[in-house]
């Protein structure tokens, strides 16, 4: 049986942009946009699974910034993914085996 892909959603963003920067105001860059408020690249992760965003976070560093449409698609939310609890649960499941 194939496991269903759990998509990353706006609910998975732990901290929204504290500088209130808007996606459409950021300079376009390959694979995302650049925030001049914090000098960071913002990666657009619409359609990514939670696992794919976690892998991106491991690759780029703990405090990556991502963007995704909010639940009703009226605007883009920018912020930091919150995976600490998910990672702890996964570690606990692996330790049981």
Protein backbone atom coordinates (compact mmCIF):
# COMPACT_ATOMS: atom_id res chain seq x y z
CA UNK A 1 0.00 0.00 0.00
CA UNK A 2 1.42 3.38 -1.04
CA UNK A 3 1.74 5.92 1.77
CA UNK A 4 -0.04 9.22 1.18
CA UNK A 5 2.22 12.25 0.77
CA UNK A 6 1.63 14.69 3.65
CA UNK A 7 1.83 18.15 2.17
CA UNK A 8 3.44 21.09 3.92
CA UNK A 9 0.72 23.67 4.70
CA UNK A 10 0.57 27.19 6.10
CA UNK A 11 -0.22 25.59 9.48
CA UNK A 12 3.33 24.17 9.49
CA UNK A 13 4.88 27.64 9.65
CA UNK A 14 5.85 28.27 13.25
CA UNK A 15 6.87 31.91 13.03
CA UNK A 16 5.56 34.22 10.34
CA UNK A 17 7.80 36.98 9.03
CA UNK A 18 8.37 39.35 11.96
CA UNK A 19 9.29 42.11 9.49
CA UNK A 20 5.96 41.79 7.67
CA UNK A 21 7.67 41.52 4.28
CA UNK A 22 5.36 40.68 1.40
CA UNK A 23 6.27 37.96 -1.13
CA UNK A 24 5.30 40.11 -4.10
CA UNK A 25 7.59 42.95 -2.90
CA UNK A 26 10.69 40.73 -2.71
CA UNK A 27 13.26 40.55 -5.50
CA UNK A 28 12.92 37.40 -7.64
CA UNK A 29 15.76 34.90 -7.39
CA UNK A 30 16.31 31.38 -8.77
CA UNK A 31 14.20 29.03 -6.65
CA UNK A 32 12.49 31.78 -4.68
CA UNK A 33 12.82 35.41 -3.68
CA UNK A 34 15.29 37.48 -1.66
CA UNK A 35 14.26 39.31 1.51
CA UNK A 36 16.27 42.48 2.01
CA UNK A 37 14.92 42.76 5.55
CA UNK A 38 16.88 39.75 6.81
CA UNK A 39 19.24 39.13 3.85
CA UNK A 40 17.84 35.62 3.32
CA UNK A 41 16.58 33.64 0.35
CA UNK A 42 12.93 32.64 0.72
CA UNK A 43 11.96 29.33 -0.92
CA UNK A 44 8.41 28.88 -2.25
CA UNK A 45 7.29 25.42 -1.08
CA UNK A 46 3.73 25.10 -2.42
CA UNK A 47 3.19 21.42 -3.28
CA UNK A 48 6.19 20.22 -1.23
CA UNK A 49 5.67 17.40 1.25
CA UNK A 50 6.54 17.89 4.90
CA UNK A 51 9.48 15.55 4.34
CA UNK A 52 10.76 17.62 1.43
CA UNK A 53 10.65 20.82 3.50
CA UNK A 54 12.37 19.02 6.39
CA UNK A 55 15.12 17.88 3.98
CA UNK A 56 15.46 21.45 2.70
CA UNK A 57 15.71 22.67 6.28
CA UNK A 58 18.46 20.14 7.05
CA UNK A 59 20.33 21.14 3.89
CA UNK A 60 20.09 24.91 4.28
CA UNK A 61 20.05 25.31 8.04
CA UNK A 62 17.63 25.42 10.92
CA UNK A 63 16.29 28.93 10.34
CA UNK A 64 15.30 28.74 6.69
CA UNK A 65 12.49 30.93 5.50
CA UNK A 66 9.76 29.54 3.25
CA UNK A 67 6.66 30.85 1.53
CA UNK A 68 3.37 29.12 0.83
CA UNK A 69 -0.21 30.13 0.04
CA UNK A 70 -2.38 30.39 3.12
CA UNK A 71 -5.31 28.03 3.51
CA UNK A 72 -7.71 30.02 1.33
CA UNK A 73 -5.04 31.02 -1.24
CA UNK A 74 -5.71 34.75 -0.87
CA UNK A 75 -2.09 35.62 -0.03
CA UNK A 76 1.34 34.12 0.48
CA UNK A 77 2.63 33.48 4.01
CA UNK A 78 6.36 33.85 4.65
CA UNK A 79 7.97 32.34 7.72
CA UNK A 80 10.04 29.64 9.40
CA UNK A 81 8.86 26.01 9.34
CA UNK A 82 8.14 24.46 12.72
CA UNK A 83 9.25 20.82 12.59
CA UNK A 84 10.74 20.29 16.03
CA UNK A 85 7.76 18.31 17.35
CA UNK A 86 7.46 16.26 14.14
CA UNK A 87 11.17 15.33 14.27
CA UNK A 88 10.91 14.29 17.93
CA UNK A 89 7.91 12.05 17.15
CA UNK A 90 9.76 10.43 14.23
CA UNK A 91 12.80 9.75 16.45
CA UNK A 92 10.57 8.12 19.09
CA UNK A 93 8.95 5.86 16.47
CA UNK A 94 12.35 4.80 15.11
CA UNK A 95 13.61 3.99 18.61
CA UNK A 96 10.68 1.57 19.11
CA UNK A 97 11.98 -0.65 16.28
